[in-house]
Amino acid sequence: MTTIITPEWPAPANIVAGTTTRDTDAGLLPGGLRFPNQVHGAVVVPIGALRNSEEPLDADAVTGWRRGDVCAVRTADCLPVLFCSTDGTQVAAAHAGWRGLAAGVLENTFEAMNVEPDSLMAWLGPAISQTKFEVGDEVREAFLAHDAKASAGFEPNASGRWQADLYALARQRLASIGIHAIYGKEWCTYGDPERFYSYRRGQETGRMVSFVALK
């Protein structure tokens, strides 16, 4: 079966977006895909820079604004976040693992798009769920140093560590910059081996592709 998860969001008709699963035929993806060299950071690059570079650029988010631009990232537990403007003129894709989220990859993507927050919508794609994502004190402290409200995204577990909620943490970061049109549901890449790759489940694994394009 060839499947692509299509965002359920009120995007303009000229926006095409989706996330692959393990069964997706590569032929269903948009042509001309270019990926950044993802380093779990917060650098954002325009898609034009990727097209014009002989080597992939170190970055974790990509923006586009011309017809035919396709912004894409690859994930296997980290959270893919797709953006589009309500007028259908700008798109972006961000790779948001905990390090990127804590470093401000979503805020930097918003700033790079240069659009008012109430003119943007975001879609959160498949990622590891809170019940499967155990982290140490240093992860929680990295988020609390930015905003004490981030404590709501962590639950203590029996081993004295924390279960982190990437979805909740991303929603909080987006809301803090004024983006409230947030869509997507909560999947679990770790707990759904039939559909998704998961780095924590098996480090030798593939990646899902999340993309958003301007037709």
C-alpha atoms as a PDB file:
ATOM      1  CA  MET A   1       0.000   0.000   0.000  1.00  0.00           C
ATOM      2  CA  THR A   2       1.359   3.440  -0.921  1.00  0.00           C
ATOM      3  CA  THR A   3       0.376   6.029   1.632  1.00  0.00           C
ATOM      4  CA  ILE A   4       1.115   9.611   2.523  1.00  0.00           C
ATOM      5  CA  ILE A   5      -0.357  11.210   5.618  1.00  0.00           C
ATOM      6  CA  THR A   6      -2.047  14.397   4.458  1.00  0.00           C
ATOM      7  CA  PRO A   7      -2.414  17.246   6.966  1.00  0.00           C
ATOM      8  CA  GLU A   8      -5.944  18.095   8.010  1.00  0.00           C
ATOM      9  CA  TRP A   9      -5.550  21.861   8.072  1.00  0.00           C
ATOM     10  CA  PRO A  10      -7.299  24.735   6.237  1.00  0.00           C
ATOM     11  CA  ALA A  11      -4.345  25.442   3.962  1.00  0.00           C
ATOM     12  CA  PRO A  12      -4.892  27.355   0.702  1.00  0.00           C
ATOM     13  CA  ALA A  13      -5.503  25.251  -2.396  1.00  0.00           C
ATOM     14  CA  ASN A  14      -2.004  25.887  -3.764  1.00  0.00           C
ATOM     15  CA  ILE A  15      -0.346  24.236  -0.765  1.00  0.00           C
ATOM     16  CA  VAL A  16       0.571  20.549  -0.979  1.00  0.00           C
ATOM     17  CA  ALA A  17       1.868  18.809   2.144  1.00  0.00           C
ATOM     18  CA  GLY A  18       2.312  15.413   3.712  1.00  0.00           C
ATOM     19  CA  THR A  19       4.412  12.905   5.600  1.00  0.00           C
ATOM     20  CA  THR A  20       5.496   9.545   4.271  1.00  0.00           C
ATOM     21  CA  THR A  21       5.100   6.234   6.059  1.00  0.00           C
ATOM     22  CA  ARG A  22       7.166   3.066   5.744  1.00  0.00           C
ATOM     23  CA  ASP A  23       4.944   1.993   2.843  1.00  0.00           C
ATOM     24  CA  THR A  24       5.077   5.172   0.804  1.00  0.00           C
ATOM     25  CA  ASP A  25       6.202   4.842  -2.785  1.00  0.00           C
ATOM     26  CA  ALA A  26       8.949   7.411  -3.418  1.00  0.00           C
ATOM     27  CA  GLY A  27       7.220   8.228  -6.680  1.00  0.00           C
ATOM     28  CA  LEU A  28       4.447   9.942  -4.729  1.00  0.00           C
ATOM     29  CA  LEU A  29       6.829  12.582  -3.387  1.00  0.00           C
ATOM     30  CA  PRO A  30       7.186  15.974  -5.081  1.00  0.00           C
ATOM     31  CA  GLY A  31      10.047  16.256  -7.531  1.00  0.00           C
ATOM     32  CA  GLY A  32      13.187  18.219  -6.805  1.00  0.00           C
ATOM     33  CA  LEU A  33      13.407  17.461  -3.097  1.00  0.00           C
ATOM     34  CA  ARG A  34      16.424  18.967  -1.342  1.00  0.00           C
ATOM     35  CA  PHE A  35      17.213  18.192   2.282  1.00  0.00           C
ATOM     36  CA  PRO A  36      19.393  20.067   4.770  1.00  0.00           C
ATOM     37  CA  ASN A  37      22.028  18.226   6.767  1.00  0.00           C
ATOM     38  CA  GLN A  38      20.050  18.058   9.989  1.00  0.00           C
ATOM     39  CA  VAL A  39      22.166  18.598  13.094  1.00  0.00           C
ATOM     40  CA  HIS A  40      19.531  19.000  15.832  1.00  0.00           C
ATOM     41  CA  GLY A  41      20.060  22.744  15.905  1.00  0.00           C
ATOM     42  CA  ALA A  42      18.043  25.867  15.156  1.00  0.00           C
ATOM     43  CA  VAL A  43      19.481  27.166  11.872  1.00  0.00           C
ATOM     44  CA  VAL A  44      16.979  27.989   9.117  1.00  0.00           C
ATOM     45  CA  VAL A  45      17.903  28.210   5.425  1.00  0.00           C
ATOM     46  CA  PRO A  46      15.915  29.186   2.312  1.00  0.00           C
ATOM     47  CA  ILE A  47      15.270  26.377  -0.138  1.00  0.00           C
ATOM     48  CA  GLY A  48      17.121  28.363  -2.790  1.00  0.00           C
ATOM     49  CA  ALA A  49      20.325  28.067  -0.776  1.00  0.00           C
ATOM     50  CA  LEU A  50      19.966  24.281  -0.723  1.00  0.00           C
ATOM     51  CA  ARG A  51      19.388  24.133  -4.456  1.00  0.00           C
ATOM     52  CA  ASN A  52      22.435  26.285  -5.154  1.00  0.00           C
ATOM     53  CA  SER A  53      24.806  24.446  -2.824  1.00  0.00           C
ATOM     54  CA  GLU A  54      26.860  21.480  -3.983  1.00  0.00           C
ATOM     55  CA  GLU A  55      26.721  19.992  -0.489  1.00  0.00           C
ATOM     56  CA  PRO A  56      23.789  19.833   1.957  1.00  0.00           C
ATOM     57  CA  LEU A  57      23.820  22.799   4.345  1.00  0.00           C
ATOM     58  CA  ASP A  58      23.769  22.278   8.125  1.00  0.00           C
ATOM     59  CA  ALA A  59      20.262  23.355   9.122  1.00  0.00           C
ATOM     60  CA  ASP A  60      17.085  22.035  10.690  1.00  0.00           C
ATOM     61  CA  ALA A  61      14.447  24.125   8.946  1.00  0.00           C
ATOM     62  CA  VAL A  62      13.812  25.244   5.377  1.00  0.00           C
ATOM     63  CA  THR A  63      11.678  28.101   4.025  1.00  0.00           C
ATOM     64  CA  GLY A  64      10.215  28.757   0.584  1.00  0.00           C
ATOM     65  CA  TRP A  65       8.112  31.413  -1.132  1.00  0.00           C
ATOM     66  CA  ARG A  66       8.311  30.834  -4.864  1.00  0.00           C
ATOM     67  CA  ARG A  67       5.991  28.705  -6.969  1.00  0.00           C
ATOM     68  CA  GLY A  68       7.428  25.198  -7.110  1.00  0.00           C
ATOM     69  CA  ASP A  69       9.357  25.506  -3.842  1.00  0.00           C
ATOM     70  CA  VAL A  70       9.319  22.298  -1.787  1.00  0.00           C
ATOM     71  CA  CYS A  71      10.498  22.394   1.842  1.00  0.00           C
ATOM     72  CA  ALA A  72      11.192  19.034   3.459  1.00  0.00           C
ATOM     73  CA  VAL A  73      12.800  17.405   6.489  1.00  0.00           C
ATOM     74  CA  ARG A  74      13.428  13.801   7.525  1.00  0.00           C
ATOM     75  CA  THR A  75      12.516  12.353  10.918  1.00  0.00           C
ATOM     76  CA  ALA A  76      12.339   9.071  12.836  1.00  0.00           C
ATOM     77  CA  ASP A  77      11.043  10.119  16.305  1.00  0.00           C
ATOM     78  CA  CYS A  78      11.747  13.857  16.191  1.00  0.00           C
ATOM     79  CA  LEU A  79       8.785  16.108  15.450  1.00  0.00           C
ATOM     80  CA  PRO A  80       8.264  17.433  11.909  1.00  0.00           C
ATOM     81  CA  VAL A  81       6.523  20.817  11.881  1.00  0.00           C
ATOM     82  CA  LEU A  82       5.120  22.192   8.627  1.00  0.00           C
ATOM     83  CA  PHE A  83       4.145  25.836   8.197  1.00  0.00           C
ATOM     84  CA  CYS A  84       2.180  27.782   5.613  1.00  0.00           C
ATOM     85  CA  SER A  85       0.835  31.310   5.441  1.00  0.00           C
ATOM     86  CA  THR A  86      -2.902  31.768   5.193  1.00  0.00           C
ATOM     87  CA  ASP A  87      -2.525  33.556   1.841  1.00  0.00           C
ATOM     88  CA  GLY A  88      -0.572  30.662   0.357  1.00  0.00           C
ATOM     89  CA  THR A  89       2.601  32.619  -0.357  1.00  0.00           C
ATOM     90  CA  GLN A  90       5.055  31.088   2.128  1.00  0.00           C
ATOM     91  CA  VAL A  91       5.886  27.626   3.440  1.00  0.00           C
ATOM     92  CA  ALA A  92       8.438  26.077   5.769  1.00  0.00           C
ATOM     93  CA  ALA A  93       9.402  22.721   7.246  1.00  0.00           C
ATOM     94  CA  ALA A  94      11.207  22.241  10.562  1.00  0.00           C
ATOM     95  CA  HIS A  95      12.909  19.249  12.180  1.00  0.00           C
ATOM     96  CA  ALA A  96      12.148  19.610  15.880  1.00  0.00           C
ATOM     97  CA  GLY A  97      13.752  17.115  18.198  1.00  0.00           C
ATOM     98  CA  TRP A  98      14.189  18.163  21.798  1.00  0.00           C
ATOM     99  CA  ARG A  99      17.501  19.895  21.124  1.00  0.00           C
ATOM    100  CA  GLY A 100      16.096  21.898  18.230  1.00  0.00           C
ATOM    101  CA  LEU A 101      12.968  22.812  20.148  1.00  0.00           C
ATOM    102  CA  ALA A 102      14.994  23.952  23.143  1.00  0.00           C
ATOM    103  CA  ALA A 103      17.348  25.935  20.891  1.00  0.00           C
ATOM    104  CA  GLY A 104      14.465  27.775  19.217  1.00  0.00           C
ATOM    105  CA  VAL A 105      14.123  26.159  15.789  1.00  0.00           C
ATOM    106  CA  LEU A 106      10.402  26.962  15.639  1.00  0.00           C
ATOM    107  CA  GLU A 107      10.901  30.573  16.683  1.00  0.00           C
ATOM    108  CA  ASN A 108      13.706  30.965  14.147  1.00  0.00           C
ATOM    109  CA  THR A 109      11.545  29.497  11.404  1.00  0.00           C
ATOM    110  CA  PHE A 110       8.810  31.978  12.206  1.00  0.00           C
ATOM    111  CA  GLU A 111      11.249  34.873  12.107  1.00  0.00           C
ATOM    112  CA  ALA A 112      12.694  33.711   8.787  1.00  0.00           C
ATOM    113  CA  MET A 113       9.237  33.615   7.219  1.00  0.00           C
ATOM    114  CA  ASN A 114       8.613  37.279   8.067  1.00  0.00           C
ATOM    115  CA  VAL A 115       4.848  36.798   8.397  1.00  0.00           C
ATOM    116  CA  GLU A 116       2.543  37.978  11.168  1.00  0.00           C
ATOM    117  CA  PRO A 117       1.844  35.094  13.579  1.00  0.00           C
ATOM    118  CA  ASP A 118      -1.901  35.260  13.032  1.00  0.00           C
ATOM    119  CA  SER A 119      -1.245  34.723   9.315  1.00  0.00           C
ATOM    120  CA  LEU A 120       0.514  31.400   9.878  1.00  0.00           C
ATOM    121  CA  MET A 121      -0.664  27.884  10.537  1.00  0.00           C
ATOM    122  CA  ALA A 122       1.399  24.923  11.678  1.00  0.00           C
ATOM    123  CA  TRP A 123       0.928  21.176  11.405  1.00  0.00           C
ATOM    124  CA  LEU A 124       2.605  18.722  13.769  1.00  0.00           C
ATOM    125  CA  GLY A 125       3.433  15.396  12.154  1.00  0.00           C
ATOM    126  CA  PRO A 126       4.326  11.920  13.459  1.00  0.00           C
ATOM    127  CA  ALA A 127       6.771  11.836  16.366  1.00  0.00           C
ATOM    128  CA  ILE A 128       7.548   9.779  19.444  1.00  0.00           C
ATOM    129  CA  SER A 129       4.856   9.983  22.126  1.00  0.00           C
ATOM    130  CA  GLN A 130       5.377  11.086  25.704  1.00  0.00           C
ATOM    131  CA  THR A 131       4.911   7.570  27.065  1.00  0.00           C
ATOM    132  CA  LYS A 132       7.886   6.346  24.994  1.00  0.00           C
ATOM    133  CA  PHE A 133      10.208   9.353  25.251  1.00  0.00           C
ATOM    134  CA  GLU A 134      12.280   9.112  28.444  1.00  0.00           C
ATOM    135  CA  VAL A 135      14.792  11.899  29.081  1.00  0.00           C
ATOM    136  CA  GLY A 136      17.087  13.089  31.844  1.00  0.00           C
ATOM    137  CA  ASP A 137      17.094  16.193  34.026  1.00  0.00           C
ATOM    138  CA  GLU A 138      19.248  18.105  31.545  1.00  0.00           C
ATOM    139  CA  VAL A 139      16.508  18.015  28.921  1.00  0.00           C
ATOM    140  CA  ARG A 140      13.837  19.317  31.261  1.00  0.00           C
ATOM    141  CA  GLU A 141      16.171  22.006  32.588  1.00  0.00           C
ATOM    142  CA  ALA A 142      16.945  23.201  29.047  1.00  0.00           C
ATOM    143  CA  PHE A 143      13.255  23.938  28.491  1.00  0.00           C
ATOM    144  CA  LEU A 144      12.559  25.384  31.926  1.00  0.00           C
ATOM    145  CA  ALA A 145      15.461  27.804  31.485  1.00  0.00           C
ATOM    146  CA  HIS A 146      13.506  29.297  28.596  1.00  0.00           C
ATOM    147  CA  ASP A 147      10.019  29.172  30.134  1.00  0.00           C
ATOM    148  CA  ALA A 148       8.906  27.713  33.445  1.00  0.00           C
ATOM    149  CA  LYS A 149       5.587  26.747  31.833  1.00  0.00           C
ATOM    150  CA  ALA A 150       7.474  24.007  29.980  1.00  0.00           C
ATOM    151  CA  SER A 151       7.181  21.900  33.131  1.00  0.00           C
ATOM    152  CA  ALA A 152       3.748  20.867  31.871  1.00  0.00           C
ATOM    153  CA  GLY A 153       5.496  18.945  29.089  1.00  0.00           C
ATOM    154  CA  PHE A 154       7.286  16.576  31.483  1.00  0.00           C
ATOM    155  CA  GLU A 155       6.010  13.799  33.718  1.00  0.00           C
ATOM    156  CA  PRO A 156       8.227  12.033  36.267  1.00  0.00           C
ATOM    157  CA  ASN A 157       8.617   8.288  35.855  1.00  0.00           C
ATOM    158  CA  ALA A 158       9.425   5.433  38.211  1.00  0.00           C
ATOM    159  CA  SER A 159      13.140   5.482  37.371  1.00  0.00           C
ATOM    160  CA  GLY A 160      13.594   9.077  38.524  1.00  0.00           C
ATOM    161  CA  ARG A 161      13.721  10.456  35.001  1.00  0.00           C
ATOM    162  CA  TRP A 162      11.144  12.224  32.851  1.00  0.00           C
ATOM    163  CA  GLN A 163       8.709  11.460  30.051  1.00  0.00           C
ATOM    164  CA  ALA A 164       8.856  14.378  27.621  1.00  0.00           C
ATOM    165  CA  ASP A 165       5.927  15.469  25.457  1.00  0.00           C
ATOM    166  CA  LEU A 166       7.323  16.878  22.196  1.00  0.00           C
ATOM    167  CA  TYR A 167       3.849  17.783  21.007  1.00  0.00           C
ATOM    168  CA  ALA A 168       3.020  19.812  24.116  1.00  0.00           C
ATOM    169  CA  LEU A 169       6.414  21.506  24.109  1.00  0.00           C
ATOM    170  CA  ALA A 170       6.067  22.467  20.441  1.00  0.00           C
ATOM    171  CA  ARG A 171       2.541  23.807  20.928  1.00  0.00           C
ATOM    172  CA  GLN A 172       3.763  25.908  23.856  1.00  0.00           C
ATOM    173  CA  ARG A 173       6.629  27.347  21.823  1.00  0.00           C
ATOM    174  CA  LEU A 174       4.342  28.168  18.903  1.00  0.00           C
ATOM    175  CA  ALA A 175       1.713  29.756  21.133  1.00  0.00           C
ATOM    176  CA  SER A 176       4.367  31.867  22.853  1.00  0.00           C
ATOM    177  CA  ILE A 177       5.131  33.597  19.540  1.00  0.00           C
ATOM    178  CA  GLY A 178       1.473  34.049  18.683  1.00  0.00           C
ATOM    179  CA  ILE A 179       0.844  31.073  16.408  1.00  0.00           C
ATOM    180  CA  HIS A 180      -2.409  29.517  17.590  1.00  0.00           C
ATOM    181  CA  ALA A 181      -3.606  27.846  14.378  1.00  0.00           C
ATOM    182  CA  ILE A 182      -1.920  24.530  15.202  1.00  0.00           C
ATOM    183  CA  TYR A 183      -3.095  21.285  13.642  1.00  0.00           C
ATOM    184  CA  GLY A 184      -2.186  17.621  13.596  1.00  0.00           C
ATOM    185  CA  LYS A 185      -2.793  14.817  16.025  1.00  0.00           C
ATOM    186  CA  GLU A 186      -0.501  12.886  18.307  1.00  0.00           C
ATOM    187  CA  TRP A 187       0.997   9.772  16.785  1.00  0.00           C
ATOM    188  CA  CYS A 188       3.718   7.553  18.222  1.00  0.00           C
ATOM    189  CA  THR A 189       6.518   6.609  15.871  1.00  0.00           C
ATOM    190  CA  TYR A 190       8.023   4.260  18.459  1.00  0.00           C
ATOM    191  CA  GLY A 191       4.771   2.418  19.148  1.00  0.00           C
ATOM    192  CA  ASP A 192       3.605   2.014  15.536  1.00  0.00           C
ATOM    193  CA  PRO A 193       6.282  -0.070  13.765  1.00  0.00           C
ATOM    194  CA  GLU A 194       3.973  -0.966  10.877  1.00  0.00           C
ATOM    195  CA  ARG A 195       3.697   2.659   9.744  1.00  0.00           C
ATOM    196  CA  PHE A 196       6.685   4.536  11.131  1.00  0.00           C
ATOM    197  CA  TYR A 197      10.438   4.372  11.503  1.00  0.00           C
ATOM    198  CA  SER A 198      11.800   4.995  15.006  1.00  0.00           C
ATOM    199  CA  TYR A 199      15.405   5.722  15.961  1.00  0.00           C
ATOM    200  CA  ARG A 200      14.787   4.787  19.584  1.00  0.00           C
ATOM    201  CA  ARG A 201      13.192   1.513  18.595  1.00  0.00           C
ATOM    202  CA  GLY A 202      16.107   0.586  16.326  1.00  0.00           C
ATOM    203  CA  GLN A 203      18.974   2.937  15.530  1.00  0.00           C
ATOM    204  CA  GLU A 204      19.550   1.288  12.158  1.00  0.00           C
ATOM    205  CA  THR A 205      16.403   2.680  10.578  1.00  0.00           C
ATOM    206  CA  GLY A 206      14.955   4.699   7.737  1.00  0.00           C
ATOM    207  CA  ARG A 207      13.367   8.127   7.907  1.00  0.00           C
ATOM    208  CA  MET A 208       9.968   9.592   7.125  1.00  0.00           C
ATOM    209  CA  VAL A 209       9.856  12.615   4.839  1.00  0.00           C
ATOM    210  CA  SER A 210       7.626  15.564   5.729  1.00  0.00           C
ATOM    211  CA  PHE A 211       7.150  18.159   3.012  1.00  0.00           C
ATOM    212  CA  VAL A 212       5.175  21.275   2.194  1.00  0.00           C
ATOM    213  CA  ALA A 213       5.164  22.810  -1.284  1.00  0.00           C
ATOM    214  CA  LEU A 214       3.841  25.749  -3.260  1.00  0.00           C
ATOM    215  CA  LYS A 215       2.199  24.434  -6.433  1.00  0.00           C
END
